[in-house]
Amino acid sequence: MSNENITQRYIEVTAHDLPLTCPMPGMSLWNAHPKVMIPLNHGGEARCPYCGTLYKFKGELPKAHH
């Protein structure tokens, strides 16, 4: 993932990004909140409780992912 600003509100993620955390590696940290694990729901979506960024999984979730 490229260096992105934490104010981005929508991010597509892949299996490479799991386990998912916010802020993600590569995001600008000067205005970041504490690192938090983001569990994806069965639809492959989740929202960060701190900044509200919506994460959507692109592709099929790995079978081992709960």
PDB file of N, CA and C in Angstrom:
ATOM      1  N   MET A   1       0.854  -1.181   0.000  1.00  0.00           N
ATOM      2  CA  MET A   1       0.000   0.000   0.000  1.00  0.00           C
ATOM      3  C   MET A   1       0.891   1.232   0.000  1.00  0.00           C
ATOM      4  N   SER A   2       0.521   2.212  -0.776  1.00  0.00           N
ATOM      5  CA  SER A   2       1.304   3.438  -0.856  1.00  0.00           C
ATOM      6  C   SER A   2       1.091   4.299   0.382  1.00  0.00           C
ATOM      7  N   ASN A   3       1.925   5.307   0.534  1.00  0.00           N
ATOM      8  CA  ASN A   3       1.816   6.221   1.665  1.00  0.00           C
ATOM      9  C   ASN A   3       0.565   7.070   1.474  1.00  0.00           C
ATOM     10  N   GLU A   4      -0.454   6.834   2.299  1.00  0.00           N
ATOM     11  CA  GLU A   4      -1.728   7.534   2.175  1.00  0.00           C
ATOM     12  C   GLU A   4      -2.025   8.310   3.442  1.00  0.00           C
ATOM     13  N   ASN A   5      -2.839   9.313   3.307  1.00  0.00           N
ATOM     14  CA  ASN A   5      -3.241  10.127   4.442  1.00  0.00           C
ATOM     15  C   ASN A   5      -4.330   9.400   5.224  1.00  0.00           C
ATOM     16  N   ILE A   6      -4.288   9.462   6.537  1.00  0.00           N
ATOM     17  CA  ILE A   6      -5.235   8.771   7.408  1.00  0.00           C
ATOM     18  C   ILE A   6      -6.662   9.289   7.229  1.00  0.00           C
ATOM     19  N   THR A   7      -6.853  10.428   6.574  1.00  0.00           N
ATOM     20  CA  THR A   7      -8.187  10.984   6.404  1.00  0.00           C
ATOM     21  C   THR A   7      -8.944  10.334   5.255  1.00  0.00           C
ATOM     22  N   GLN A   8      -8.306   9.419   4.514  1.00  0.00           N
ATOM     23  CA  GLN A   8      -9.023   8.712   3.461  1.00  0.00           C
ATOM     24  C   GLN A   8     -10.166   7.935   4.092  1.00  0.00           C
ATOM     25  N   ARG A   9     -11.332   7.946   3.499  1.00  0.00           N
ATOM     26  CA  ARG A   9     -12.509   7.359   4.118  1.00  0.00           C
ATOM     27  C   ARG A   9     -12.878   5.981   3.585  1.00  0.00           C
ATOM     28  N   TYR A  10     -12.273   5.527   2.488  1.00  0.00           N
ATOM     29  CA  TYR A  10     -12.609   4.233   1.893  1.00  0.00           C
ATOM     30  C   TYR A  10     -11.339   3.582   1.377  1.00  0.00           C
ATOM     31  N   ILE A  11     -11.079   2.340   1.799  1.00  0.00           N
ATOM     32  CA  ILE A  11      -9.884   1.636   1.364  1.00  0.00           C
ATOM     33  C   ILE A  11     -10.271   0.206   1.008  1.00  0.00           C
ATOM     34  N   GLU A  12      -9.867  -0.254  -0.196  1.00  0.00           N
ATOM     35  CA  GLU A  12     -10.044  -1.648  -0.571  1.00  0.00           C
ATOM     36  C   GLU A  12      -8.822  -2.413  -0.079  1.00  0.00           C
ATOM     37  N   VAL A  13      -9.056  -3.567   0.532  1.00  0.00           N
ATOM     38  CA  VAL A  13      -7.962  -4.384   1.059  1.00  0.00           C
ATOM     39  C   VAL A  13      -8.014  -5.773   0.435  1.00  0.00           C
ATOM     40  N   THR A  14      -6.879  -6.464   0.474  1.00  0.00           N
ATOM     41  CA  THR A  14      -6.779  -7.826  -0.054  1.00  0.00           C
ATOM     42  C   THR A  14      -6.237  -8.735   1.037  1.00  0.00           C
ATOM     43  N   ALA A  15      -6.080 -10.004   0.715  1.00  0.00           N
ATOM     44  CA  ALA A  15      -5.551 -10.972   1.676  1.00  0.00           C
ATOM     45  C   ALA A  15      -4.165 -10.568   2.152  1.00  0.00           C
ATOM     46  N   HIS A  16      -3.427  -9.861   1.318  1.00  0.00           N
ATOM     47  CA  HIS A  16      -2.087  -9.392   1.692  1.00  0.00           C
ATOM     48  C   HIS A  16      -2.144  -8.437   2.892  1.00  0.00           C
ATOM     49  N   ASP A  17      -3.251  -7.729   3.081  1.00  0.00           N
ATOM     50  CA  ASP A  17      -3.391  -6.734   4.150  1.00  0.00           C
ATOM     51  C   ASP A  17      -3.841  -7.340   5.482  1.00  0.00           C
ATOM     52  N   LEU A  18      -4.165  -8.632   5.502  1.00  0.00           N
ATOM     53  CA  LEU A  18      -4.634  -9.277   6.735  1.00  0.00           C
ATOM     54  C   LEU A  18      -3.462  -9.720   7.590  1.00  0.00           C
ATOM     55  N   PRO A  19      -3.531  -9.656   8.901  1.00  0.00           N
ATOM     56  CA  PRO A  19      -4.642  -9.102   9.671  1.00  0.00           C
ATOM     57  C   PRO A  19      -4.720  -7.589   9.478  1.00  0.00           C
ATOM     58  N   LEU A  20      -5.918  -7.072   9.423  1.00  0.00           N
ATOM     59  CA  LEU A  20      -6.176  -5.680   9.112  1.00  0.00           C
ATOM     60  C   LEU A  20      -6.073  -4.811  10.365  1.00  0.00           C
ATOM     61  N   THR A  21      -5.308  -3.736  10.251  1.00  0.00           N
ATOM     62  CA  THR A  21      -5.195  -2.756  11.330  1.00  0.00           C
ATOM     63  C   THR A  21      -5.399  -1.360  10.759  1.00  0.00           C
ATOM     64  N   CYS A  22      -5.797  -0.456  11.598  1.00  0.00           N
ATOM     65  CA  CYS A  22      -5.920   0.953  11.225  1.00  0.00           C
ATOM     66  C   CYS A  22      -5.174   1.755  12.285  1.00  0.00           C
ATOM     67  N   PRO A  23      -4.279   2.645  11.928  1.00  0.00           N
ATOM     68  CA  PRO A  23      -3.863   2.949  10.560  1.00  0.00           C
ATOM     69  C   PRO A  23      -3.055   1.797   9.979  1.00  0.00           C
ATOM     70  N   MET A  24      -3.141   1.663   8.648  1.00  0.00           N
ATOM     71  CA  MET A  24      -2.416   0.614   7.940  1.00  0.00           C
ATOM     72  C   MET A  24      -0.954   1.020   7.776  1.00  0.00           C
ATOM     73  N   PRO A  25      -0.066   0.039   7.634  1.00  0.00           N
ATOM     74  CA  PRO A  25       1.336   0.374   7.354  1.00  0.00           C
ATOM     75  C   PRO A  25       1.413   1.234   6.097  1.00  0.00           C
ATOM     76  N   GLY A  26       2.239   2.234   6.120  1.00  0.00           N
ATOM     77  CA  GLY A  26       2.387   3.113   4.969  1.00  0.00           C
ATOM     78  C   GLY A  26       1.534   4.367   5.040  1.00  0.00           C
ATOM     79  N   MET A  27       0.610   4.439   5.980  1.00  0.00           N
ATOM     80  CA  MET A  27      -0.204   5.650   6.126  1.00  0.00           C
ATOM     81  C   MET A  27       0.599   6.704   6.882  1.00  0.00           C
ATOM     82  N   SER A  28       0.322   7.952   6.586  1.00  0.00           N
ATOM     83  CA  SER A  28       0.973   9.050   7.312  1.00  0.00           C
ATOM     84  C   SER A  28       0.605   8.958   8.780  1.00  0.00           C
ATOM     85  N   LEU A  29       1.590   9.031   9.645  1.00  0.00           N
ATOM     86  CA  LEU A  29       1.324   8.859  11.067  1.00  0.00           C
ATOM     87  C   LEU A  29       1.270  10.161  11.852  1.00  0.00           C
ATOM     88  N   TRP A  30       1.516  11.288  11.219  1.00  0.00           N
ATOM     89  CA  TRP A  30       1.543  12.548  11.961  1.00  0.00           C
ATOM     90  C   TRP A  30       0.183  12.881  12.569  1.00  0.00           C
ATOM     91  N   ASN A  31      -0.895  12.389  11.989  1.00  0.00           N
ATOM     92  CA  ASN A  31      -2.226  12.683  12.529  1.00  0.00           C
ATOM     93  C   ASN A  31      -2.992  11.400  12.847  1.00  0.00           C
ATOM     94  N   ALA A  32      -2.261  10.300  13.080  1.00  0.00           N
ATOM     95  CA  ALA A  32      -2.896   9.000  13.266  1.00  0.00           C
ATOM     96  C   ALA A  32      -3.405   8.793  14.689  1.00  0.00           C
ATOM     97  N   HIS A  33      -4.359   7.898  14.805  1.00  0.00           N
ATOM     98  CA  HIS A  33      -4.893   7.479  16.107  1.00  0.00           C
ATOM     99  C   HIS A  33      -4.159   6.225  16.545  1.00  0.00           C
ATOM    100  N   PRO A  34      -4.435   5.706  17.757  1.00  0.00           N
ATOM    101  CA  PRO A  34      -3.796   4.458  18.193  1.00  0.00           C
ATOM    102  C   PRO A  34      -4.121   3.312  17.230  1.00  0.00           C
ATOM    103  N   LYS A  35      -3.187   2.392  17.077  1.00  0.00           N
ATOM    104  CA  LYS A  35      -3.377   1.247  16.190  1.00  0.00           C
ATOM    105  C   LYS A  35      -4.454   0.338  16.765  1.00  0.00           C
ATOM    106  N   VAL A  36      -5.392  -0.070  15.912  1.00  0.00           N
ATOM    107  CA  VAL A  36      -6.501  -0.920  16.334  1.00  0.00           C
ATOM    108  C   VAL A  36      -6.698  -2.023  15.290  1.00  0.00           C
ATOM    109  N   MET A  37      -7.003  -3.229  15.764  1.00  0.00           N
ATOM    110  CA  MET A  37      -7.319  -4.341  14.865  1.00  0.00           C
ATOM    111  C   MET A  37      -8.728  -4.144  14.322  1.00  0.00           C
ATOM    112  N   ILE A  38      -8.909  -4.396  13.038  1.00  0.00           N
ATOM    113  CA  ILE A  38     -10.207  -4.222  12.390  1.00  0.00           C
ATOM    114  C   ILE A  38     -10.701  -5.594  11.923  1.00  0.00           C
ATOM    115  N   PRO A  39     -11.689  -6.177  12.609  1.00  0.00           N
ATOM    116  CA  PRO A  39     -12.232  -7.462  12.153  1.00  0.00           C
ATOM    117  C   PRO A  39     -13.227  -7.233  11.018  1.00  0.00           C
ATOM    118  N   LEU A  40     -13.077  -7.969   9.927  1.00  0.00           N
ATOM    119  CA  LEU A  40     -14.008  -7.855   8.809  1.00  0.00           C
ATOM    120  C   LEU A  40     -15.241  -8.691   9.103  1.00  0.00           C
ATOM    121  N   ASN A  41     -16.418  -8.159   8.783  1.00  0.00           N
ATOM    122  CA  ASN A  41     -17.645  -8.927   8.970  1.00  0.00           C
ATOM    123  C   ASN A  41     -17.795  -9.924   7.819  1.00  0.00           C
ATOM    124  N   HIS A  42     -18.839 -10.692   7.818  1.00  0.00           N
ATOM    125  CA  HIS A  42     -19.021 -11.732   6.797  1.00  0.00           C
ATOM    126  C   HIS A  42     -19.189 -11.151   5.403  1.00  0.00           C
ATOM    127  N   GLY A  43     -19.543  -9.904   5.287  1.00  0.00           N
ATOM    128  CA  GLY A  43     -19.650  -9.253   3.983  1.00  0.00           C
ATOM    129  C   GLY A  43     -18.334  -8.672   3.518  1.00  0.00           C
ATOM    130  N   GLY A  44     -17.281  -8.798   4.345  1.00  0.00           N
ATOM    131  CA  GLY A  44     -15.978  -8.293   3.964  1.00  0.00           C
ATOM    132  C   GLY A  44     -15.824  -6.797   4.147  1.00  0.00           C
ATOM    133  N   GLU A  45     -16.610  -6.218   5.064  1.00  0.00           N
ATOM    134  CA  GLU A  45     -16.530  -4.786   5.343  1.00  0.00           C
ATOM    135  C   GLU A  45     -16.323  -4.543   6.826  1.00  0.00           C
ATOM    136  N   ALA A  46     -15.684  -3.422   7.123  1.00  0.00           N
ATOM    137  CA  ALA A  46     -15.524  -2.998   8.511  1.00  0.00           C
ATOM    138  C   ALA A  46     -15.205  -1.517   8.529  1.00  0.00           C
ATOM    139  N   ARG A  47     -15.557  -0.872   9.623  1.00  0.00           N
ATOM    140  CA  ARG A  47     -15.300   0.553   9.790  1.00  0.00           C
ATOM    141  C   ARG A  47     -14.430   0.753  11.025  1.00  0.00           C
ATOM    142  N   CYS A  48     -13.422   1.613  10.909  1.00  0.00           N
ATOM    143  CA  CYS A  48     -12.554   1.913  12.037  1.00  0.00           C
ATOM    144  C   CYS A  48     -13.338   2.700  13.090  1.00  0.00           C
ATOM    145  N   PRO A  49     -13.285   2.271  14.358  1.00  0.00           N
ATOM    146  CA  PRO A  49     -14.023   2.987  15.397  1.00  0.00           C
ATOM    147  C   PRO A  49     -13.423   4.351  15.722  1.00  0.00           C
ATOM    148  N   TYR A  50     -12.168   4.594  15.362  1.00  0.00           N
ATOM    149  CA  TYR A  50     -11.533   5.878  15.648  1.00  0.00           C
ATOM    150  C   TYR A  50     -11.793   6.913  14.557  1.00  0.00           C
ATOM    151  N   CYS A  51     -11.453   6.564  13.312  1.00  0.00           N
ATOM    152  CA  CYS A  51     -11.501   7.570  12.241  1.00  0.00           C
ATOM    153  C   CYS A  51     -12.660   7.376  11.275  1.00  0.00           C
ATOM    154  N   GLY A  52     -13.347   6.235  11.360  1.00  0.00           N
ATOM    155  CA  GLY A  52     -14.499   5.998  10.505  1.00  0.00           C
ATOM    156  C   GLY A  52     -14.160   5.505   9.108  1.00  0.00           C
ATOM    157  N   THR A  53     -12.888   5.249   8.812  1.00  0.00           N
ATOM    158  CA  THR A  53     -12.519   4.749   7.494  1.00  0.00           C
ATOM    159  C   THR A  53     -13.206   3.415   7.246  1.00  0.00           C
ATOM    160  N   LEU A  54     -13.808   3.279   6.059  1.00  0.00           N
ATOM    161  CA  LEU A  54     -14.474   2.044   5.672  1.00  0.00           C
ATOM    162  C   LEU A  54     -13.479   1.178   4.918  1.00  0.00           C
ATOM    163  N   TYR A  55     -13.315  -0.059   5.366  1.00  0.00           N
ATOM    164  CA  TYR A  55     -12.452  -1.025   4.711  1.00  0.00           C
ATOM    165  C   TYR A  55     -13.337  -2.053   4.033  1.00  0.00           C
ATOM    166  N   LYS A  56     -13.084  -2.307   2.746  1.00  0.00           N
ATOM    167  CA  LYS A  56     -13.827  -3.320   1.997  1.00  0.00           C
ATOM    168  C   LYS A  56     -12.832  -4.304   1.410  1.00  0.00           C
ATOM    169  N   PHE A  57     -13.100  -5.582   1.657  1.00  0.00           N
ATOM    170  CA  PHE A  57     -12.235  -6.630   1.148  1.00  0.00           C
ATOM    171  C   PHE A  57     -12.533  -6.846  -0.321  1.00  0.00           C
ATOM    172  N   LYS A  58     -11.489  -6.875  -1.131  1.00  0.00           N
ATOM    173  CA  LYS A  58     -11.622  -7.092  -2.574  1.00  0.00           C
ATOM    174  C   LYS A  58     -11.242  -8.529  -2.861  1.00  0.00           C
ATOM    175  N   GLY A  59     -12.160  -9.297  -3.407  1.00  0.00           N
ATOM    176  CA  GLY A  59     -11.923 -10.695  -3.692  1.00  0.00           C
ATOM    177  C   GLY A  59     -12.626 -11.569  -2.673  1.00  0.00           C
ATOM    178  N   GLU A  60     -12.223 -12.831  -2.638  1.00  0.00           N
ATOM    179  CA  GLU A  60     -12.838 -13.782  -1.704  1.00  0.00           C
ATOM    180  C   GLU A  60     -12.032 -13.839  -0.418  1.00  0.00           C
ATOM    181  N   LEU A  61     -12.719 -13.764   0.715  1.00  0.00           N
ATOM    182  CA  LEU A  61     -12.035 -13.851   2.002  1.00  0.00           C
ATOM    183  C   LEU A  61     -11.362 -15.210   2.145  1.00  0.00           C
ATOM    184  N   PRO A  62     -10.160 -15.241   2.696  1.00  0.00           N
ATOM    185  CA  PRO A  62      -9.495 -16.529   2.928  1.00  0.00           C
ATOM    186  C   PRO A  62     -10.348 -17.415   3.835  1.00  0.00           C
ATOM    187  N   LYS A  63     -10.314 -18.716   3.616  1.00  0.00           N
ATOM    188  CA  LYS A  63     -11.134 -19.651   4.390  1.00  0.00           C
ATOM    189  C   LYS A  63     -10.820 -19.628   5.875  1.00  0.00           C
ATOM    190  N   ALA A  64      -9.579 -19.367   6.251  1.00  0.00           N
ATOM    191  CA  ALA A  64      -9.196 -19.366   7.654  1.00  0.00           C
ATOM    192  C   ALA A  64      -9.597 -18.086   8.369  1.00  0.00           C
ATOM    193  N   HIS A  65     -10.093 -17.082   7.635  1.00  0.00           N
ATOM    194  CA  HIS A  65     -10.495 -15.812   8.240  1.00  0.00           C
ATOM    195  C   HIS A  65     -11.875 -15.945   8.854  1.00  0.00           C
ATOM    196  N   HIS A  66     -12.048 -15.513  10.089  1.00  0.00           N
ATOM    197  CA  HIS A  66     -13.342 -15.620  10.794  1.00  0.00           C
ATOM    198  C   HIS A  66     -14.085 -14.324  10.680  1.00  0.00           C
TER     199      HIS A  66
END
